[in-house]
Amino acid sequence: MATTSRRALHLLSLLAARPQWSLPELTERLEVSARTVTRDIDTLRQLGYAITTVRGPGGGYRLGAGSTLPPLLLDDDQALAVAVALQTAPATIFGLAEDTARALDTLTRAMPPRLRTAMGTLRLTQLRNYWEFPAPPIDPRALAVVGTAVRRRHALVVETLRADGTRPDPGDPGFAPARRIEPHHLAVWAARWYLVAWDDGWRVLRVDRLLPRATTEPFPERELPGDDVAAFVMTSPDRGDTPAAWQCTGSARLALPAEVVARWAPGGSVVEHIDAGHCLLTLGAWSWAGIAGILATFDTELTDVQPPDLVRACARLAQRWAHLPS
């Protein structure tokens, strides 16, 4: 029975690997008779897998979608990918938070110990942000190194990369030698990965801008200012985001608290605290009108608007809105 079950799982993995298999191909791969393959296919159908028989000279078997969701067969990499995706699912999809939490719990409990350990290296904080922008790709190896260091509370040695992900030369402007940091927590905001770390003071670093090297050097736990990872990341002025990535960048002083603006500002924006009721917002867009439109969504008084191109764009939008039919 155990042999039959293993063979059926192997058959299922083959069917999931490509759109269609012929019967001779399956018998060769499984090293069994055609009658055994058809019997195993019937077994999988009884378990709820929709396996279609394709007739004709080029026929065979195809795994399709059934009326109910049968048990899924995932390899290690697929299971980890699904688990990370569930953790980083956008908080803007209202009503799915409980479902994703249950799905993650179910998947984690079904994982063998080695995968649960690997999943533990990615201790995440999901920050709510209602403006989602595509983020540059991140090296999964770097993410794994950082995640493991966070979980084990081991120091990292990091180099800072250029915006395009390449290593700067020693003579380049802005070059900094490798340095030791203490990784505290990983956070995801607007599809970007951030590392909260101690580096002669608290820092928020873009993981895609780091070349990390693991160490076995432990470090003591430190108390984060405010003890709120999400707020710290969203209001930190040194996240390493580069407004120059946008075609246009501008700033304005808003008559709103920094924590309010940081919650609703687009990903990659920088919110600087001025006082209890004011902050400076720096953000980018593909046009000056785009920045002006985003500023208008805060519905508050704007001052110190820079640069002049942004001031003119705000004026143009104000004129258009003033002539709207009542």
Protein backbone atom coordinates (compact mmCIF):
# COMPACT_ATOMS: atom_id res chain seq x y z
CA MET A 1 0.00 0.00 0.00
CA ALA A 2 2.87 2.35 0.84
CA THR A 3 4.47 1.58 -2.54
CA THR A 4 1.17 2.30 -4.30
CA SER A 5 0.81 5.62 -2.46
CA ARG A 6 4.34 6.70 -3.31
CA ARG A 7 3.81 5.75 -6.94
CA ALA A 8 0.53 7.67 -7.08
CA LEU A 9 2.22 10.77 -5.65
CA HIS A 10 5.01 10.42 -8.21
CA LEU A 11 2.39 10.13 -10.95
CA LEU A 12 0.65 13.23 -9.64
CA SER A 13 3.89 15.20 -9.64
CA LEU A 14 4.52 14.20 -13.26
CA LEU A 15 1.03 15.27 -14.32
CA ALA A 16 1.50 18.62 -12.59
CA ALA A 17 4.88 19.20 -14.23
CA ARG A 18 3.66 19.63 -17.79
CA PRO A 19 0.36 19.95 -19.70
CA GLN A 20 0.06 16.41 -21.08
CA TRP A 21 1.65 12.95 -20.88
CA SER A 22 1.18 9.94 -23.12
CA LEU A 23 0.60 6.54 -21.55
CA PRO A 24 3.94 5.14 -22.85
CA GLU A 25 5.78 8.12 -21.33
CA LEU A 26 4.18 7.54 -17.95
CA THR A 27 4.90 3.81 -17.95
CA GLU A 28 8.54 4.53 -18.80
CA ARG A 29 8.96 7.18 -16.11
CA LEU A 30 7.20 5.14 -13.42
CA GLU A 31 8.72 1.82 -14.57
CA VAL A 32 5.39 0.00 -14.30
CA SER A 33 2.88 -1.48 -16.72
CA ALA A 34 0.24 0.48 -18.60
CA ARG A 35 -2.45 -1.27 -16.54
CA THR A 36 -0.81 -0.08 -13.30
CA VAL A 37 -0.68 3.50 -14.57
CA THR A 38 -4.38 3.50 -15.48
CA ARG A 39 -5.24 2.00 -12.09
CA ASP A 40 -3.24 4.72 -10.30
CA ILE A 41 -4.96 7.38 -12.40
CA ASP A 42 -8.34 5.99 -11.27
CA THR A 43 -7.10 6.20 -7.67
CA LEU A 44 -6.17 9.86 -8.09
CA ARG A 45 -9.56 10.57 -9.67
CA GLN A 46 -11.27 9.04 -6.64
CA LEU A 47 -9.25 11.40 -4.44
CA GLY A 48 -10.66 14.38 -6.31
CA TYR A 49 -8.04 15.11 -8.96
CA ALA A 50 -9.55 15.98 -12.35
CA ILE A 51 -7.45 13.91 -14.76
CA THR A 52 -8.70 14.09 -18.33
CA THR A 53 -8.14 11.37 -20.92
CA VAL A 54 -7.14 12.87 -24.28
CA ARG A 55 -8.17 10.66 -27.18
CA GLY A 56 -6.44 10.24 -30.53
CA PRO A 57 -2.94 9.46 -31.82
CA GLY A 58 -1.39 12.26 -29.79
CA GLY A 59 -3.52 11.57 -26.76
CA GLY A 60 -2.69 10.81 -23.19
CA TYR A 61 -3.58 12.28 -19.81
CA ARG A 62 -3.94 15.84 -18.60
CA LEU A 63 -4.38 17.24 -15.09
CA GLY A 64 -7.23 19.74 -15.03
CA ALA A 65 -9.20 21.74 -12.52
CA GLY A 66 -11.86 19.87 -10.56
CA SER A 67 -15.07 21.05 -8.96
CA THR A 68 -13.41 20.99 -5.52
CA LEU A 69 -9.86 21.64 -4.41
CA PRO A 70 -8.09 18.32 -3.79
CA PRO A 71 -4.93 17.94 -1.70
CA LEU A 72 -2.04 19.76 -3.34
CA LEU A 73 1.42 18.34 -3.90
CA LEU A 74 4.07 21.03 -3.43
CA ASP A 75 7.83 20.68 -3.46
CA ASP A 76 9.94 22.53 -0.89
CA ASP A 77 10.48 25.65 -2.99
CA GLN A 78 6.79 25.88 -3.93
CA ALA A 79 5.69 25.53 -0.31
CA LEU A 80 8.05 28.28 0.84
CA ALA A 81 6.97 30.53 -2.04
CA VAL A 82 3.30 30.13 -1.12
CA ALA A 83 4.03 30.76 2.57
CA VAL A 84 5.94 33.97 1.81
CA ALA A 85 3.20 35.11 -0.59
CA LEU A 86 0.56 34.57 2.11
CA GLN A 87 2.58 36.65 4.56
CA THR A 88 3.09 39.48 2.10
CA ALA A 89 -0.44 39.50 0.64
CA PRO A 90 -1.49 43.15 0.27
CA ALA A 91 -3.45 44.39 3.27
CA THR A 92 -5.55 46.46 0.87
CA ILE A 93 -7.64 43.43 -0.13
CA PHE A 94 -10.26 43.83 2.52
CA GLY A 95 -11.86 40.71 3.95
CA LEU A 96 -9.00 38.34 3.15
CA ALA A 97 -6.82 38.86 6.22
CA GLU A 98 -8.47 36.06 8.20
CA ASP A 99 -8.49 33.68 5.21
CA THR A 100 -4.81 34.21 4.44
CA ALA A 101 -3.93 33.74 8.11
CA ARG A 102 -5.83 30.44 8.21
CA ALA A 103 -4.25 29.29 4.96
CA LEU A 104 -0.76 30.14 6.25
CA ASP A 105 -1.45 28.29 9.51
CA THR A 106 -2.67 25.21 7.62
CA LEU A 107 0.34 25.23 5.30
CA THR A 108 2.83 25.75 8.14
CA ARG A 109 1.38 22.89 10.21
CA ALA A 110 1.63 20.57 7.19
CA MET A 111 5.28 21.45 6.57
CA PRO A 112 8.00 19.03 7.66
CA PRO A 113 10.32 20.41 10.38
CA ARG A 114 13.05 21.42 7.92
CA LEU A 115 10.62 23.68 6.00
CA ARG A 116 9.16 25.17 9.17
CA THR A 117 12.70 26.08 10.19
CA ALA A 118 13.35 27.68 6.79
CA MET A 119 10.06 29.56 7.05
CA GLY A 120 11.11 30.81 10.46
CA THR A 121 14.02 32.65 8.87
CA LEU A 122 11.55 35.00 7.24
CA ARG A 123 9.98 36.72 10.26
CA LEU A 124 7.97 39.45 8.60
CA THR A 125 5.98 42.51 9.50
CA GLN A 126 3.33 43.39 6.93
CA LEU A 127 2.83 47.15 6.81
CA ARG A 128 -0.45 48.51 5.51
CA ASN A 129 -0.01 50.85 2.62
CA TYR A 130 -2.81 51.66 0.25
CA TRP A 131 -0.64 52.58 -2.73
CA GLU A 132 1.05 49.59 -4.31
CA PHE A 133 3.87 50.16 -6.79
CA PRO A 134 6.04 47.51 -8.45
CA ALA A 135 9.33 47.03 -6.65
CA PRO A 136 12.66 46.02 -8.17
CA PRO A 137 13.45 42.30 -8.01
CA ILE A 138 15.28 41.11 -4.93
CA ASP A 139 17.93 38.41 -4.76
CA PRO A 140 16.32 35.51 -2.85
CA ARG A 141 19.72 34.51 -1.54
CA ALA A 142 20.20 37.91 0.07
CA LEU A 143 16.73 37.68 1.55
CA ALA A 144 17.50 34.26 3.00
CA VAL A 145 20.77 35.49 4.55
CA VAL A 146 19.07 38.49 6.11
CA GLY A 147 16.08 36.47 7.31
CA THR A 148 18.29 33.85 8.94
CA ALA A 149 20.34 36.52 10.70
CA VAL A 150 17.17 38.14 12.04
CA ARG A 151 15.85 34.83 13.35
CA ARG A 152 19.13 33.74 14.93
CA ARG A 153 20.01 37.27 16.08
CA HIS A 154 23.42 37.16 14.45
CA ALA A 155 25.24 40.22 13.16
CA LEU A 156 25.61 40.84 9.43
CA VAL A 157 28.41 42.35 7.38
CA VAL A 158 26.86 44.35 4.56
CA GLU A 159 27.91 46.37 1.56
CA THR A 160 25.66 48.99 0.00
CA LEU A 161 24.81 48.43 -3.66
CA ARG A 162 24.01 50.92 -6.39
CA ALA A 163 20.37 51.53 -7.30
CA ASP A 164 20.74 49.05 -10.19
CA GLY A 165 21.96 46.33 -7.80
CA THR A 166 25.64 46.41 -8.83
CA ARG A 167 28.61 46.84 -6.47
CA PRO A 168 30.19 50.32 -6.57
CA ASP A 169 33.93 50.70 -7.07
CA PRO A 170 36.06 52.11 -4.22
CA GLY A 171 36.57 55.35 -6.13
CA ASP A 172 32.87 55.92 -6.87
CA PRO A 173 31.00 58.75 -5.10
CA GLY A 174 29.02 57.38 -2.19
CA PHE A 175 31.13 54.24 -1.89
CA ALA A 176 31.19 52.86 1.65
CA PRO A 177 33.25 49.93 2.89
CA ALA A 178 31.58 46.84 4.31
CA ARG A 179 30.24 47.40 7.81
CA ARG A 180 28.80 45.37 10.67
CA ILE A 181 25.13 45.79 11.53
CA GLU A 182 22.71 44.13 13.94
CA PRO A 183 19.57 42.97 12.07
CA HIS A 184 16.40 43.34 14.13
CA HIS A 185 13.40 42.77 11.88
CA LEU A 186 12.25 42.37 8.28
CA ALA A 187 9.36 44.44 7.02
CA VAL A 188 7.46 44.57 3.73
CA TRP A 189 5.89 47.79 2.58
CA ALA A 190 4.57 48.63 -0.89
CA ALA A 191 6.18 45.43 -2.23
CA ARG A 192 9.62 46.46 -0.91
CA TRP A 193 11.64 44.60 1.71
CA TYR A 194 13.17 46.64 4.53
CA LEU A 195 15.58 45.67 7.31
CA VAL A 196 15.38 47.42 10.67
CA ALA A 197 18.94 47.30 12.00
CA TRP A 198 21.25 48.84 14.59
CA ASP A 199 24.21 50.55 12.96
CA ASP A 200 25.55 53.01 15.55
CA GLY A 201 21.89 53.96 15.79
CA TRP A 202 18.62 52.62 14.39
CA ARG A 203 18.47 52.39 10.59
CA VAL A 204 15.95 51.22 8.03
CA LEU A 205 17.68 49.65 5.02
CA ARG A 206 16.35 48.48 1.68
CA VAL A 207 17.25 44.79 1.40
CA ASP A 208 17.57 45.03 -2.40
CA ARG A 209 20.35 47.59 -1.86
CA LEU A 210 22.39 45.31 0.41
CA LEU A 211 25.02 42.67 -0.22
CA PRO A 212 24.86 40.77 3.10
CA ARG A 213 27.36 38.31 4.53
CA ALA A 214 26.36 36.09 7.45
CA THR A 215 28.30 35.81 10.70
CA THR A 216 27.84 33.75 13.85
CA GLU A 217 28.37 36.75 16.13
CA PRO A 218 25.38 37.17 18.48
CA PHE A 219 24.14 40.57 19.61
CA PRO A 220 21.84 41.68 22.43
CA GLU A 221 18.22 42.53 21.82
CA ARG A 222 17.58 46.26 21.73
CA GLU A 223 14.38 48.16 22.33
CA LEU A 224 13.10 49.78 19.16
CA PRO A 225 12.00 53.42 19.54
CA GLY A 226 8.27 53.33 20.11
CA ASP A 227 8.34 49.51 19.94
CA ASP A 228 6.41 49.70 16.64
CA VAL A 229 8.22 48.29 13.60
CA ALA A 230 5.57 49.43 11.11
CA ALA A 231 5.50 53.03 12.30
CA PHE A 232 9.28 53.14 12.51
CA VAL A 233 9.74 51.96 8.91
CA MET A 234 7.04 54.21 7.47
CA THR A 235 8.33 57.35 9.18
CA SER A 236 12.07 56.72 8.88
CA PRO A 237 13.81 59.25 6.62
CA ASP A 238 16.69 56.89 5.73
CA ARG A 239 14.83 53.99 4.13
CA GLY A 240 17.13 54.32 1.13
CA ASP A 241 14.33 54.93 -1.36
CA THR A 242 15.49 57.03 -4.27
CA PRO A 243 12.97 59.60 -5.51
CA ALA A 244 15.21 60.01 -8.57
CA ALA A 245 13.79 56.73 -9.84
CA TRP A 246 10.69 58.74 -10.78
CA GLN A 247 10.59 61.12 -13.70
CA CYS A 248 9.42 63.90 -11.39
CA THR A 249 9.96 64.39 -7.65
CA GLY A 250 8.62 67.10 -5.40
CA SER A 251 7.80 67.94 -1.83
CA ALA A 252 5.29 69.88 0.22
CA ARG A 253 4.58 70.70 3.86
CA LEU A 254 1.26 69.21 4.92
CA ALA A 255 -0.85 70.31 7.87
CA LEU A 256 -1.19 66.73 9.06
CA PRO A 257 0.75 64.57 11.54
CA ALA A 258 3.56 62.49 10.05
CA GLU A 259 1.99 59.21 11.18
CA VAL A 260 -1.21 59.99 9.26
CA VAL A 261 0.59 60.93 6.05
CA ALA A 262 2.98 57.96 6.31
CA ARG A 263 0.05 55.56 6.45
CA TRP A 264 -1.44 56.79 3.17
CA ALA A 265 1.59 58.03 1.23
CA PRO A 266 2.73 56.06 -1.84
CA GLY A 267 5.44 53.46 -1.48
CA GLY A 268 8.88 55.01 -1.70
CA SER A 269 7.75 58.36 -0.30
CA VAL A 270 9.66 60.00 2.54
CA VAL A 271 7.68 61.54 5.39
CA GLU A 272 9.59 63.87 7.70
CA HIS A 273 8.18 64.91 11.06
CA ILE A 274 8.08 68.69 11.62
CA ASP A 275 5.83 69.01 14.66
CA ALA A 276 2.71 67.38 16.09
CA GLY A 277 0.49 68.74 13.32
CA HIS A 278 2.81 69.11 10.32
CA CYS A 279 5.16 67.03 8.19
CA LEU A 280 7.15 67.26 4.97
CA LEU A 281 6.22 64.77 2.26
CA THR A 282 8.64 64.02 -0.59
CA LEU A 283 7.31 61.79 -3.34
CA GLY A 284 7.64 60.96 -7.01
CA ALA A 285 5.41 60.29 -10.01
CA TRP A 286 5.62 60.16 -13.78
CA SER A 287 4.34 63.74 -14.11
CA TRP A 288 4.02 66.90 -12.04
CA ALA A 289 0.25 66.65 -12.31
CA GLY A 290 0.51 63.16 -10.84
CA ILE A 291 2.28 64.50 -7.75
CA ALA A 292 -0.21 67.35 -7.47
CA GLY A 293 -3.09 64.88 -7.66
CA ILE A 294 -1.62 62.74 -4.88
CA LEU A 295 -1.12 65.80 -2.69
CA ALA A 296 -4.75 66.75 -3.25
CA THR A 297 -5.91 63.42 -1.82
CA PHE A 298 -4.74 64.51 1.64
CA ASP A 299 -7.30 67.36 1.60
CA THR A 300 -5.22 69.66 3.77
CA GLU A 301 -3.34 72.94 3.57
CA LEU A 302 -0.13 72.79 1.53
CA THR A 303 2.86 75.10 1.98
CA ASP A 304 6.51 75.09 0.97
CA VAL A 305 5.67 73.33 -2.29
CA GLN A 306 8.80 72.56 -4.32
CA PRO A 307 9.98 72.75 -7.08
CA PRO A 308 8.32 75.52 -9.15
CA ASP A 309 7.17 72.95 -11.74
CA LEU A 310 5.06 71.31 -9.05
CA VAL A 311 3.63 74.69 -7.97
CA ARG A 312 2.56 75.37 -11.56
CA ALA A 313 1.00 71.89 -11.87
CA CYS A 314 -1.02 72.50 -8.69
CA ALA A 315 -2.21 75.82 -10.08
CA ARG A 316 -3.28 74.24 -13.38
CA LEU A 317 -5.26 71.55 -11.59
CA ALA A 318 -6.89 74.16 -9.35
CA GLN A 319 -7.99 76.14 -12.43
CA ARG A 320 -9.46 73.02 -14.06
CA TRP A 321 -11.34 72.05 -10.93
CA ALA A 322 -12.61 75.62 -10.47
CA HIS A 323 -14.33 75.41 -13.88
CA LEU A 324 -16.09 72.12 -13.27
CA PRO A 325 -19.87 72.39 -13.71
CA SER A 326 -21.66 72.57 -10.40
